[in-house]
Amino acid sequence: MNILVTGGAGYIGSWLVPHLLADGHNVVVVDTMTFGTGHLPDNPNLKVIKADVVMTQDWCFDRIDTVIYLAGLSNNVMCEQDLVLSVNVNVRSLRNFVKAAKANGVGRFIYASSVAVYGSSDEDSFETDALVPTTPYAVQKAMAEEAVMQEASTDFNVVITRSASVCGYSPNMAFHLTVNMMTNHAFHNRRITVNGGQQKRCHIHIQDVSTLYRRLLTIPVDIPISIYNFVAQNMTVLEAAQDVRAVMDDGTNSIQLVIGPATDDRSYTVDGSWTQKRLGWSPEYTVKDAVWDMKVRFQSHMWGDSMTNEKYGRITQNGL
C-alpha cells in the first residue's frame, strides 16, 4: 500500500512510519520538521518531504492509497497563544488537504483527533456521544473532524481516531503529555506535583497507537465514516502520578509526590470497547510500561535538556 503520513516525523509519526515500512508499505512523509526530523530511517520505500501541508501540491498524492493525517498543533498552550495561527494549521489547512486528497483519488483518509472533543465528563464517553469541546485545541479538533466527514463518500472512506493521551518513548520525544511530563519531572526534579488529582484522564501507550493505525489499514471499506476511541487506561491524575513514582523511585533517592489545590477540574474518561471489538485489539502496554521505557533512556543520558528545550513541550515562540 502507498501511504502518505502528514506529521510523520513527529512524536507518533516517527514511531509509526518505521513500522509501516517494516510491514512492506511505501510511505511518503510530509512534515515541517519544526520539532525535529524524527530520525526517520534511510529506506528506499520512504520519501520525506520537508513542507507545510498548507503548501502541499497535488503531486504529493501520486499513487497514494491512504492518508494518515497526524499533522497539527497538539499543544493547547500554542492554540491559546495564537488562535489565528492554530485555526489555520489545525482546521483550514486540513480542510484544503482533505479536499485535495479526495480530488486526487485517495481511497481512505485517517484523521487523528482527540478525546478532548468530548469535553469534560466523569462518565465514559462513547463514539456516538455529542461533542462538547471546552478548549481551543478541542474546538479545533471538532471543527476538523466535521470538515473531514463532510468529504466522506462511497469512494472516499473517512476514519476518525479519537486518541487518549499518548505515552512512552518515541524517536521524536514529547514531554507535554501527562505521563511523559510526570516522568520527566520525576527524573530531573525527583518530584511530581499534582494539582487536585481526582480529575480523570485516559492514556494509551505509543506502541498500541501504532498497532491500531496499522490495523485500520486492513479494515473493510464498508461505510463512508467510522470513528474509533484509542484508549487503554482510564485513571485519576493522582493514580497516574502514583504509577510514575512507583517506577521511577529507586529506593535511595525517593520521588516526592506533592498534591496541591485543583487548577483544572476537567475530566476525560473514554470507553474503548468498540475499537477493541471492531479491530480485534486489546491493549498490550500500560502507563507503567511507558514509564519504564523512558526511565532506561533517561538513565542512558538521553534528553539532558528536556526541562529547558521548548521542542520537547511542543512550544515555539517563533511561529511555524
C-alpha atoms as a PDB file:
ATOM      1  CA  MET A   1       0.000   0.000   0.000  1.00  0.00           C
ATOM      2  CA  ASN A   2       1.124   3.562  -0.698  1.00  0.00           C
ATOM      3  CA  ILE A   3       0.617   5.699   2.414  1.00  0.00           C
ATOM      4  CA  LEU A   4       1.039   9.435   2.956  1.00  0.00           C
ATOM      5  CA  VAL A   5       1.672  10.424   6.578  1.00  0.00           C
ATOM      6  CA  THR A   6       1.425  14.106   7.443  1.00  0.00           C
ATOM      7  CA  GLY A   7       3.335  14.945  10.601  1.00  0.00           C
ATOM      8  CA  GLY A   8       5.216  11.712  10.015  1.00  0.00           C
ATOM      9  CA  ALA A   9       8.381  12.981  11.708  1.00  0.00           C
ATOM     10  CA  GLY A  10       6.561  13.912  14.917  1.00  0.00           C
ATOM     11  CA  TYR A  11       6.067  12.114  18.216  1.00  0.00           C
ATOM     12  CA  ILE A  12       3.666   9.443  16.935  1.00  0.00           C
ATOM     13  CA  GLY A  13       4.762   9.507  13.293  1.00  0.00           C
ATOM     14  CA  SER A  14       8.428   8.799  13.984  1.00  0.00           C
ATOM     15  CA  TRP A  15       7.414   5.593  15.774  1.00  0.00           C
ATOM     16  CA  LEU A  16       4.675   4.611  13.316  1.00  0.00           C
ATOM     17  CA  VAL A  17       6.480   5.208   9.999  1.00  0.00           C
ATOM     18  CA  PRO A  18       9.300   2.639  10.533  1.00  0.00           C
ATOM     19  CA  HIS A  19       6.639   0.043  11.397  1.00  0.00           C
ATOM     20  CA  LEU A  20       4.690   0.833   8.239  1.00  0.00           C
ATOM     21  CA  LEU A  21       7.877   0.335   6.254  1.00  0.00           C
ATOM     22  CA  ALA A  22       8.568  -2.946   8.047  1.00  0.00           C
ATOM     23  CA  ASP A  23       5.059  -4.064   7.060  1.00  0.00           C
ATOM     24  CA  GLY A  24       6.055  -3.602   3.425  1.00  0.00           C
ATOM     25  CA  HIS A  25       4.272  -0.328   2.671  1.00  0.00           C
ATOM     26  CA  ASN A  26       5.598   2.572   0.613  1.00  0.00           C
ATOM     27  CA  VAL A  27       5.464   5.724   2.708  1.00  0.00           C
ATOM     28  CA  VAL A  28       5.581   9.440   1.930  1.00  0.00           C
ATOM     29  CA  VAL A  29       6.087  11.763   4.926  1.00  0.00           C
ATOM     30  CA  VAL A  30       5.170  15.449   4.819  1.00  0.00           C
ATOM     31  CA  ASP A  31       6.378  17.377   7.867  1.00  0.00           C
ATOM     32  CA  THR A  32       7.646  20.865   8.656  1.00  0.00           C
ATOM     33  CA  MET A  33      10.354  19.342  10.908  1.00  0.00           C
ATOM     34  CA  THR A  34       9.698  22.195  13.345  1.00  0.00           C
ATOM     35  CA  PHE A  35      10.338  19.920  16.299  1.00  0.00           C
ATOM     36  CA  GLY A  36      12.942  17.645  14.709  1.00  0.00           C
ATOM     37  CA  THR A  37      13.372  15.083  11.959  1.00  0.00           C
ATOM     38  CA  GLY A  38      12.163  12.104  13.963  1.00  0.00           C
ATOM     39  CA  HIS A  39      15.293  10.151  12.997  1.00  0.00           C
ATOM     40  CA  LEU A  40      13.360   8.556  10.163  1.00  0.00           C
ATOM     41  CA  PRO A  41      15.211   5.619   8.593  1.00  0.00           C
ATOM     42  CA  ASP A  42      17.062   5.649   5.319  1.00  0.00           C
ATOM     43  CA  ASN A  43      14.765   3.367   3.331  1.00  0.00           C
ATOM     44  CA  PRO A  44      14.155   3.092  -0.431  1.00  0.00           C
ATOM     45  CA  ASN A  45      10.424   2.846   0.251  1.00  0.00           C
ATOM     46  CA  LEU A  46      10.353   6.123   2.195  1.00  0.00           C
ATOM     47  CA  LYS A  47      10.123   9.597   0.721  1.00  0.00           C
ATOM     48  CA  VAL A  48      10.393  12.540   3.109  1.00  0.00           C
ATOM     49  CA  ILE A  49       9.132  15.977   2.090  1.00  0.00           C
ATOM     50  CA  LYS A  50      10.014  18.893   4.356  1.00  0.00           C
ATOM     51  CA  ALA A  51       6.991  21.115   3.851  1.00  0.00           C
ATOM     52  CA  ASP A  52       3.899  22.557   5.471  1.00  0.00           C
ATOM     53  CA  VAL A  53       0.695  20.764   4.495  1.00  0.00           C
ATOM     54  CA  VAL A  54      -0.763  24.124   3.504  1.00  0.00           C
ATOM     55  CA  MET A  55       1.857  24.345   0.743  1.00  0.00           C
ATOM     56  CA  THR A  56       1.472  20.761  -0.441  1.00  0.00           C
ATOM     57  CA  GLN A  57       0.731  20.328  -4.126  1.00  0.00           C
ATOM     58  CA  ASP A  58      -1.325  17.692  -5.910  1.00  0.00           C
ATOM     59  CA  TRP A  59       1.781  15.752  -6.929  1.00  0.00           C
ATOM     60  CA  CYS A  60       2.305  14.529  -3.374  1.00  0.00           C
ATOM     61  CA  PHE A  61      -0.829  12.361  -3.764  1.00  0.00           C
ATOM     62  CA  ASP A  62       0.593  10.500  -6.749  1.00  0.00           C
ATOM     63  CA  ARG A  63      -0.434   6.824  -6.397  1.00  0.00           C
ATOM     64  CA  ILE A  64      -1.355   7.336  -2.719  1.00  0.00           C
ATOM     65  CA  ASP A  65      -3.980   4.900  -1.420  1.00  0.00           C
ATOM     66  CA  THR A  66      -4.310   6.109   2.172  1.00  0.00           C
ATOM     67  CA  VAL A  67      -3.565   9.266   4.131  1.00  0.00           C
ATOM     68  CA  ILE A  68      -2.808   9.167   7.862  1.00  0.00           C
ATOM     69  CA  TYR A  69      -3.158  12.778   8.966  1.00  0.00           C
ATOM     70  CA  LEU A  70      -1.130  13.397  12.141  1.00  0.00           C
ATOM     71  CA  ALA A  71      -0.118  16.990  11.377  1.00  0.00           C
ATOM     72  CA  GLY A  72      -1.200  19.902  13.545  1.00  0.00           C
ATOM     73  CA  LEU A  73      -0.547  21.868  16.712  1.00  0.00           C
ATOM     74  CA  SER A  74      -1.090  19.366  19.508  1.00  0.00           C
ATOM     75  CA  ASN A  75      -0.473  21.719  22.417  1.00  0.00           C
ATOM     76  CA  ASN A  76      -3.342  23.762  23.837  1.00  0.00           C
ATOM     77  CA  VAL A  77      -0.879  26.391  25.036  1.00  0.00           C
ATOM     78  CA  MET A  78       0.105  27.184  21.448  1.00  0.00           C
ATOM     79  CA  CYS A  79      -3.538  27.199  20.372  1.00  0.00           C
ATOM     80  CA  GLU A  80      -4.316  29.768  23.073  1.00  0.00           C
ATOM     81  CA  GLN A  81      -1.222  31.858  22.297  1.00  0.00           C
ATOM     82  CA  ASP A  82      -2.149  32.349  18.643  1.00  0.00           C
ATOM     83  CA  LEU A  83      -5.707  31.438  17.714  1.00  0.00           C
ATOM     84  CA  VAL A  84      -5.317  32.657  14.131  1.00  0.00           C
ATOM     85  CA  LEU A  85      -2.259  30.505  13.531  1.00  0.00           C
ATOM     86  CA  SER A  86      -3.735  27.443  15.229  1.00  0.00           C
ATOM     87  CA  VAL A  87      -7.021  27.653  13.299  1.00  0.00           C
ATOM     88  CA  ASN A  88      -5.067  27.999  10.054  1.00  0.00           C
ATOM     89  CA  VAL A  89      -2.932  24.970  10.890  1.00  0.00           C
ATOM     90  CA  ASN A  90      -5.484  22.720  12.593  1.00  0.00           C
ATOM     91  CA  VAL A  91      -8.608  23.493  10.572  1.00  0.00           C
ATOM     92  CA  ARG A  92      -8.144  25.442   7.342  1.00  0.00           C
ATOM     93  CA  SER A  93      -5.061  23.552   6.153  1.00  0.00           C
ATOM     94  CA  LEU A  94      -6.728  20.265   6.997  1.00  0.00           C
ATOM     95  CA  ARG A  95      -9.888  21.237   5.121  1.00  0.00           C
ATOM     96  CA  ASN A  96      -7.920  22.060   1.967  1.00  0.00           C
ATOM     97  CA  PHE A  97      -5.779  18.960   2.315  1.00  0.00           C
ATOM     98  CA  VAL A  98      -8.667  16.519   2.601  1.00  0.00           C
ATOM     99  CA  LYS A  99     -10.374  18.055  -0.429  1.00  0.00           C
ATOM    100  CA  ALA A 100      -7.164  17.673  -2.432  1.00  0.00           C
ATOM    101  CA  ALA A 101      -6.751  14.070  -1.281  1.00  0.00           C
ATOM    102  CA  LYS A 102     -10.264  13.222  -2.411  1.00  0.00           C
ATOM    103  CA  ALA A 103      -9.850  15.008  -5.740  1.00  0.00           C
ATOM    104  CA  ASN A 104      -6.656  13.053  -6.399  1.00  0.00           C
ATOM    105  CA  GLY A 105      -8.186   9.637  -5.895  1.00  0.00           C
ATOM    106  CA  VAL A 106      -7.100   8.759  -2.358  1.00  0.00           C
ATOM    107  CA  GLY A 107      -9.376   5.982  -1.104  1.00  0.00           C
ATOM    108  CA  ARG A 108      -9.059   6.279   2.684  1.00  0.00           C
ATOM    109  CA  PHE A 109      -8.364   9.274   4.915  1.00  0.00           C
ATOM    110  CA  ILE A 110      -7.484   8.609   8.568  1.00  0.00           C
ATOM    111  CA  TYR A 111      -7.666  11.736  10.720  1.00  0.00           C
ATOM    112  CA  ALA A 112      -6.021  11.836  14.160  1.00  0.00           C
ATOM    113  CA  SER A 113      -8.382  13.606  16.523  1.00  0.00           C
ATOM    114  CA  SER A 114      -8.510  13.601  20.319  1.00  0.00           C
ATOM    115  CA  VAL A 115     -10.756  12.549  23.188  1.00  0.00           C
ATOM    116  CA  ALA A 116     -10.715  16.241  24.124  1.00  0.00           C
ATOM    117  CA  VAL A 117     -13.568  16.745  21.635  1.00  0.00           C
ATOM    118  CA  TYR A 118     -15.962  15.084  24.092  1.00  0.00           C
ATOM    119  CA  GLY A 119     -15.417  17.763  26.702  1.00  0.00           C
ATOM    120  CA  SER A 120     -15.223  17.182  30.429  1.00  0.00           C
ATOM    121  CA  SER A 121     -17.122  14.234  31.882  1.00  0.00           C
ATOM    122  CA  ASP A 122     -16.801  11.838  34.805  1.00  0.00           C
ATOM    123  CA  GLU A 123     -18.631   9.167  32.801  1.00  0.00           C
ATOM    124  CA  ASP A 124     -17.171   7.175  29.920  1.00  0.00           C
ATOM    125  CA  SER A 125     -17.610   8.842  26.526  1.00  0.00           C
ATOM    126  CA  PHE A 126     -18.586   6.745  23.512  1.00  0.00           C
ATOM    127  CA  GLU A 127     -18.070   7.357  19.790  1.00  0.00           C
ATOM    128  CA  THR A 128     -21.782   8.155  19.397  1.00  0.00           C
ATOM    129  CA  ASP A 129     -21.831  10.853  22.101  1.00  0.00           C
ATOM    130  CA  ALA A 130     -22.288  14.532  21.301  1.00  0.00           C
ATOM    131  CA  LEU A 131     -19.123  16.627  21.198  1.00  0.00           C
ATOM    132  CA  VAL A 132     -18.810  19.409  23.775  1.00  0.00           C
ATOM    133  CA  PRO A 133     -15.231  20.693  23.435  1.00  0.00           C
ATOM    134  CA  THR A 134     -14.101  23.203  26.060  1.00  0.00           C
ATOM    135  CA  THR A 135     -10.602  24.319  24.969  1.00  0.00           C
ATOM    136  CA  PRO A 136      -9.341  25.993  21.776  1.00  0.00           C
ATOM    137  CA  TYR A 137      -7.444  22.826  20.855  1.00  0.00           C
ATOM    138  CA  ALA A 138     -10.522  20.649  21.366  1.00  0.00           C
ATOM    139  CA  VAL A 139     -12.781  23.047  19.459  1.00  0.00           C
ATOM    140  CA  GLN A 140     -10.366  22.997  16.527  1.00  0.00           C
ATOM    141  CA  LYS A 141     -10.222  19.190  16.574  1.00  0.00           C
ATOM    142  CA  ALA A 142     -14.020  19.035  16.475  1.00  0.00           C
ATOM    143  CA  MET A 143     -14.124  21.508  13.580  1.00  0.00           C
ATOM    144  CA  ALA A 144     -11.510  19.477  11.717  1.00  0.00           C
ATOM    145  CA  GLU A 145     -13.484  16.279  12.249  1.00  0.00           C
ATOM    146  CA  GLU A 146     -16.542  17.925  10.702  1.00  0.00           C
ATOM    147  CA  ALA A 147     -14.508  19.134   7.727  1.00  0.00           C
ATOM    148  CA  VAL A 148     -13.165  15.647   7.074  1.00  0.00           C
ATOM    149  CA  MET A 149     -16.522  13.917   7.470  1.00  0.00           C
ATOM    150  CA  GLN A 150     -18.156  16.314   5.010  1.00  0.00           C
ATOM    151  CA  GLU A 151     -15.969  14.801   2.285  1.00  0.00           C
ATOM    152  CA  ALA A 152     -16.847  11.163   3.050  1.00  0.00           C
ATOM    153  CA  SER A 153     -18.437   9.136   0.265  1.00  0.00           C
ATOM    154  CA  THR A 154     -18.632   5.581  -1.029  1.00  0.00           C
ATOM    155  CA  ASP A 155     -15.309   6.197  -2.827  1.00  0.00           C
ATOM    156  CA  PHE A 156     -13.647   8.184  -0.040  1.00  0.00           C
ATOM    157  CA  ASN A 157     -13.581   6.363   3.280  1.00  0.00           C
ATOM    158  CA  VAL A 158     -13.069   8.621   6.314  1.00  0.00           C
ATOM    159  CA  VAL A 159     -11.766   7.272   9.622  1.00  0.00           C
ATOM    160  CA  ILE A 160     -11.636   9.435  12.753  1.00  0.00           C
ATOM    161  CA  THR A 161      -9.391   8.334  15.618  1.00  0.00           C
ATOM    162  CA  ARG A 162     -10.033   9.975  18.992  1.00  0.00           C
ATOM    163  CA  SER A 163      -6.914   9.289  20.979  1.00  0.00           C
ATOM    164  CA  ALA A 164      -6.318   9.355  24.693  1.00  0.00           C
ATOM    165  CA  SER A 165      -3.135  10.977  25.978  1.00  0.00           C
ATOM    166  CA  VAL A 166      -0.278   9.039  24.392  1.00  0.00           C
ATOM    167  CA  CYS A 167       2.714   7.997  26.490  1.00  0.00           C
ATOM    168  CA  GLY A 168       6.027   6.236  26.050  1.00  0.00           C
ATOM    169  CA  TYR A 169       9.296   6.508  24.152  1.00  0.00           C
ATOM    170  CA  SER A 170       9.500   7.899  20.625  1.00  0.00           C
ATOM    171  CA  PRO A 171      12.480   8.852  18.436  1.00  0.00           C
ATOM    172  CA  ASN A 172      10.997  12.361  18.447  1.00  0.00           C
ATOM    173  CA  MET A 173      10.182  12.712  22.109  1.00  0.00           C
ATOM    174  CA  ALA A 174       7.428  14.939  23.505  1.00  0.00           C
ATOM    175  CA  PHE A 175       7.123  15.815  27.184  1.00  0.00           C
ATOM    176  CA  HIS A 176       3.940  17.907  27.191  1.00  0.00           C
ATOM    177  CA  LEU A 177       1.805  14.768  27.518  1.00  0.00           C
ATOM    178  CA  THR A 178       0.636  13.908  31.039  1.00  0.00           C
ATOM    179  CA  VAL A 179       2.586  10.725  31.817  1.00  0.00           C
ATOM    180  CA  ASN A 180       5.671  11.805  29.865  1.00  0.00           C
ATOM    181  CA  MET A 181       5.696  15.147  31.684  1.00  0.00           C
ATOM    182  CA  MET A 182       5.407  13.490  35.087  1.00  0.00           C
ATOM    183  CA  THR A 183       8.248  11.108  34.222  1.00  0.00           C
ATOM    184  CA  ASN A 184      10.446  13.985  33.082  1.00  0.00           C
ATOM    185  CA  HIS A 185       9.906  15.840  36.369  1.00  0.00           C
ATOM    186  CA  ALA A 186      10.353  12.671  38.407  1.00  0.00           C
ATOM    187  CA  PHE A 187      13.770  12.025  36.866  1.00  0.00           C
ATOM    188  CA  HIS A 188      15.170  15.550  36.902  1.00  0.00           C
ATOM    189  CA  ASN A 189      13.488  17.039  39.989  1.00  0.00           C
ATOM    190  CA  ARG A 190      12.682  13.868  41.963  1.00  0.00           C
ATOM    191  CA  ARG A 191       9.298  15.477  42.434  1.00  0.00           C
ATOM    192  CA  ILE A 192       5.830  15.193  40.857  1.00  0.00           C
ATOM    193  CA  THR A 193       3.315  17.960  41.530  1.00  0.00           C
ATOM    194  CA  VAL A 194      -0.365  17.110  41.175  1.00  0.00           C
ATOM    195  CA  ASN A 195      -2.990  19.835  41.255  1.00  0.00           C
ATOM    196  CA  GLY A 196      -6.098  18.268  42.699  1.00  0.00           C
ATOM    197  CA  GLY A 197      -5.597  14.737  41.485  1.00  0.00           C
ATOM    198  CA  GLN A 198      -9.129  13.380  41.348  1.00  0.00           C
ATOM    199  CA  GLN A 199      -9.658  14.568  37.785  1.00  0.00           C
ATOM    200  CA  LYS A 200      -9.804  11.644  35.386  1.00  0.00           C
ATOM    201  CA  ARG A 201      -7.573  11.185  32.372  1.00  0.00           C
ATOM    202  CA  CYS A 202      -7.233   8.425  29.800  1.00  0.00           C
ATOM    203  CA  HIS A 203      -3.978   7.069  28.408  1.00  0.00           C
ATOM    204  CA  ILE A 204      -2.598   4.821  25.694  1.00  0.00           C
ATOM    205  CA  HIS A 205       0.925   3.601  25.004  1.00  0.00           C
ATOM    206  CA  ILE A 206       2.500   4.787  21.751  1.00  0.00           C
ATOM    207  CA  GLN A 207       3.154   1.183  20.685  1.00  0.00           C
ATOM    208  CA  ASP A 208      -0.555   0.399  20.994  1.00  0.00           C
ATOM    209  CA  VAL A 209      -1.334   3.529  18.959  1.00  0.00           C
ATOM    210  CA  SER A 210       0.979   2.303  16.217  1.00  0.00           C
ATOM    211  CA  THR A 211      -0.680  -1.111  16.229  1.00  0.00           C
ATOM    212  CA  LEU A 212      -4.125   0.459  15.909  1.00  0.00           C
ATOM    213  CA  TYR A 213      -3.182   2.630  12.936  1.00  0.00           C
ATOM    214  CA  ARG A 214      -1.752  -0.428  11.210  1.00  0.00           C
ATOM    215  CA  ARG A 215      -4.970  -2.356  11.933  1.00  0.00           C
ATOM    216  CA  LEU A 216      -7.000   0.450  10.377  1.00  0.00           C
ATOM    217  CA  LEU A 217      -5.241  -0.128   7.072  1.00  0.00           C
ATOM    218  CA  THR A 218      -6.808  -3.572   6.808  1.00  0.00           C
ATOM    219  CA  ILE A 219     -10.427  -2.993   7.837  1.00  0.00           C
ATOM    220  CA  PRO A 220     -13.012  -3.262   5.051  1.00  0.00           C
ATOM    221  CA  VAL A 221     -14.326  -0.106   3.429  1.00  0.00           C
ATOM    222  CA  ASP A 222     -17.990  -0.861   4.100  1.00  0.00           C
ATOM    223  CA  ILE A 223     -19.224   2.505   5.405  1.00  0.00           C
ATOM    224  CA  PRO A 224     -18.214   6.067   4.458  1.00  0.00           C
ATOM    225  CA  ILE A 225     -17.343   7.148   8.032  1.00  0.00           C
ATOM    226  CA  SER A 226     -16.053   5.258  11.056  1.00  0.00           C
ATOM    227  CA  ILE A 227     -14.919   6.606  14.433  1.00  0.00           C
ATOM    228  CA  TYR A 228     -12.683   4.891  16.984  1.00  0.00           C
ATOM    229  CA  ASN A 229     -11.664   5.776  20.525  1.00  0.00           C
ATOM    230  CA  PHE A 230      -7.999   4.933  21.093  1.00  0.00           C
ATOM    231  CA  VAL A 231      -7.767   4.293  24.844  1.00  0.00           C
ATOM    232  CA  ALA A 232      -6.138   1.717  27.101  1.00  0.00           C
ATOM    233  CA  GLN A 233      -6.467   3.034  30.664  1.00  0.00           C
ATOM    234  CA  ASN A 234      -8.756   5.484  32.467  1.00  0.00           C
ATOM    235  CA  MET A 235      -7.464   6.718  35.832  1.00  0.00           C
ATOM    236  CA  THR A 236      -7.288   9.762  38.038  1.00  0.00           C
ATOM    237  CA  VAL A 237      -4.356  12.122  37.675  1.00  0.00           C
ATOM    238  CA  LEU A 238      -3.216  11.054  41.152  1.00  0.00           C
ATOM    239  CA  GLU A 239      -3.283   7.382  40.148  1.00  0.00           C
ATOM    240  CA  ALA A 240      -1.156   8.163  37.094  1.00  0.00           C
ATOM    241  CA  ALA A 241       1.330  10.062  39.282  1.00  0.00           C
ATOM    242  CA  GLN A 242       1.495   7.122  41.679  1.00  0.00           C
ATOM    243  CA  ASP A 243       2.254   4.764  38.776  1.00  0.00           C
ATOM    244  CA  VAL A 244       5.049   7.077  37.609  1.00  0.00           C
ATOM    245  CA  ARG A 245       6.510   7.311  41.118  1.00  0.00           C
ATOM    246  CA  ALA A 246       6.329   3.525  41.590  1.00  0.00           C
ATOM    247  CA  VAL A 247       8.556   3.001  38.549  1.00  0.00           C
ATOM    248  CA  MET A 248      10.880   5.992  38.923  1.00  0.00           C
ATOM    249  CA  ASP A 249      11.555   5.653  42.675  1.00  0.00           C
ATOM    250  CA  ASP A 250      14.840   3.759  43.062  1.00  0.00           C
ATOM    251  CA  GLY A 251      14.613   3.420  46.834  1.00  0.00           C
ATOM    252  CA  THR A 252      17.641   5.602  47.562  1.00  0.00           C
ATOM    253  CA  ASN A 253      16.556   8.953  46.146  1.00  0.00           C
ATOM    254  CA  SER A 254      12.817   8.930  46.607  1.00  0.00           C
ATOM    255  CA  ILE A 255      10.323  10.728  44.395  1.00  0.00           C
ATOM    256  CA  GLN A 256       8.305  13.328  46.273  1.00  0.00           C
ATOM    257  CA  LEU A 257       4.604  13.468  45.405  1.00  0.00           C
ATOM    258  CA  VAL A 258       3.170  16.931  46.111  1.00  0.00           C
ATOM    259  CA  ILE A 259      -0.586  17.439  45.974  1.00  0.00           C
ATOM    260  CA  GLY A 260      -1.846  20.993  45.647  1.00  0.00           C
ATOM    261  CA  PRO A 261      -5.244  22.597  45.050  1.00  0.00           C
ATOM    262  CA  ALA A 262      -7.009  21.796  41.792  1.00  0.00           C
ATOM    263  CA  THR A 263      -6.409  24.300  38.992  1.00  0.00           C
ATOM    264  CA  ASP A 264      -8.256  22.361  36.273  1.00  0.00           C
ATOM    265  CA  ASP A 265     -11.336  20.290  37.145  1.00  0.00           C
ATOM    266  CA  ARG A 266     -11.839  18.784  33.684  1.00  0.00           C
ATOM    267  CA  SER A 267     -12.091  15.011  33.448  1.00  0.00           C
ATOM    268  CA  TYR A 268     -11.695  12.854  30.367  1.00  0.00           C
ATOM    269  CA  THR A 269     -12.717   9.219  30.593  1.00  0.00           C
ATOM    270  CA  VAL A 270     -13.446   7.244  27.447  1.00  0.00           C
ATOM    271  CA  ASP A 271     -14.828   3.824  26.515  1.00  0.00           C
ATOM    272  CA  GLY A 272     -12.704   1.782  24.105  1.00  0.00           C
ATOM    273  CA  SER A 273     -14.859  -1.337  23.718  1.00  0.00           C
ATOM    274  CA  TRP A 274     -15.989  -0.587  20.154  1.00  0.00           C
ATOM    275  CA  THR A 275     -12.392  -0.209  18.971  1.00  0.00           C
ATOM    276  CA  GLN A 276     -11.391  -3.458  20.658  1.00  0.00           C
ATOM    277  CA  LYS A 277     -14.310  -5.337  19.127  1.00  0.00           C
ATOM    278  CA  ARG A 278     -14.105  -3.873  15.637  1.00  0.00           C
ATOM    279  CA  LEU A 279     -10.312  -4.064  15.285  1.00  0.00           C
ATOM    280  CA  GLY A 280      -9.781  -7.267  17.255  1.00  0.00           C
ATOM    281  CA  TRP A 281      -7.384  -5.480  19.578  1.00  0.00           C
ATOM    282  CA  SER A 282      -6.574  -5.408  23.267  1.00  0.00           C
ATOM    283  CA  PRO A 283      -4.059  -3.058  24.912  1.00  0.00           C
ATOM    284  CA  GLU A 284      -0.647  -4.670  25.247  1.00  0.00           C
ATOM    285  CA  TYR A 285       1.060  -1.923  27.245  1.00  0.00           C
ATOM    286  CA  THR A 286       0.360   0.129  30.354  1.00  0.00           C
ATOM    287  CA  VAL A 287       1.315   3.503  31.780  1.00  0.00           C
ATOM    288  CA  LYS A 288       3.962   1.748  33.866  1.00  0.00           C
ATOM    289  CA  ASP A 289       5.420   0.178  30.705  1.00  0.00           C
ATOM    290  CA  ALA A 290       5.704   3.650  29.179  1.00  0.00           C
ATOM    291  CA  VAL A 291       7.482   4.987  32.252  1.00  0.00           C
ATOM    292  CA  TRP A 292       9.959   2.085  32.214  1.00  0.00           C
ATOM    293  CA  ASP A 293      10.720   2.822  28.541  1.00  0.00           C
ATOM    294  CA  MET A 294      11.553   6.418  29.404  1.00  0.00           C
ATOM    295  CA  LYS A 295      13.396   5.623  32.631  1.00  0.00           C
ATOM    296  CA  VAL A 296      16.028   3.423  30.963  1.00  0.00           C
ATOM    297  CA  ARG A 297      16.652   6.115  28.357  1.00  0.00           C
ATOM    298  CA  PHE A 298      16.935   8.880  30.942  1.00  0.00           C
ATOM    299  CA  GLN A 299      19.471   6.691  32.740  1.00  0.00           C
ATOM    300  CA  SER A 300      21.342   6.400  29.421  1.00  0.00           C
ATOM    301  CA  HIS A 301      21.699  10.203  29.423  1.00  0.00           C
ATOM    302  CA  MET A 302      19.108  10.880  26.734  1.00  0.00           C
ATOM    303  CA  TRP A 303      17.166  14.168  26.742  1.00  0.00           C
ATOM    304  CA  GLY A 304      19.559  16.003  29.027  1.00  0.00           C
ATOM    305  CA  ASP A 305      17.909  19.316  28.138  1.00  0.00           C
ATOM    306  CA  SER A 306      14.329  18.054  28.385  1.00  0.00           C
ATOM    307  CA  MET A 307      13.446  20.511  31.162  1.00  0.00           C
ATOM    308  CA  THR A 308      14.578  23.578  29.206  1.00  0.00           C
ATOM    309  CA  ASN A 309      14.310  22.848  25.480  1.00  0.00           C
ATOM    310  CA  GLU A 310      10.960  24.092  24.173  1.00  0.00           C
ATOM    311  CA  LYS A 311      10.811  21.488  21.429  1.00  0.00           C
ATOM    312  CA  TYR A 312      10.030  18.778  23.977  1.00  0.00           C
ATOM    313  CA  GLY A 313       6.977  20.731  25.113  1.00  0.00           C
ATOM    314  CA  ARG A 314       5.908  21.314  21.504  1.00  0.00           C
ATOM    315  CA  ILE A 315       6.132  25.051  22.146  1.00  0.00           C
ATOM    316  CA  THR A 316       7.701  27.624  19.855  1.00  0.00           C
ATOM    317  CA  GLN A 317       7.776  31.372  20.280  1.00  0.00           C
ATOM    318  CA  ASN A 318       8.564  31.980  16.616  1.00  0.00           C
ATOM    319  CA  GLY A 319       5.549  30.500  14.854  1.00  0.00           C
ATOM    320  CA  LEU A 320       5.881  27.620  12.428  1.00  0.00           C
END
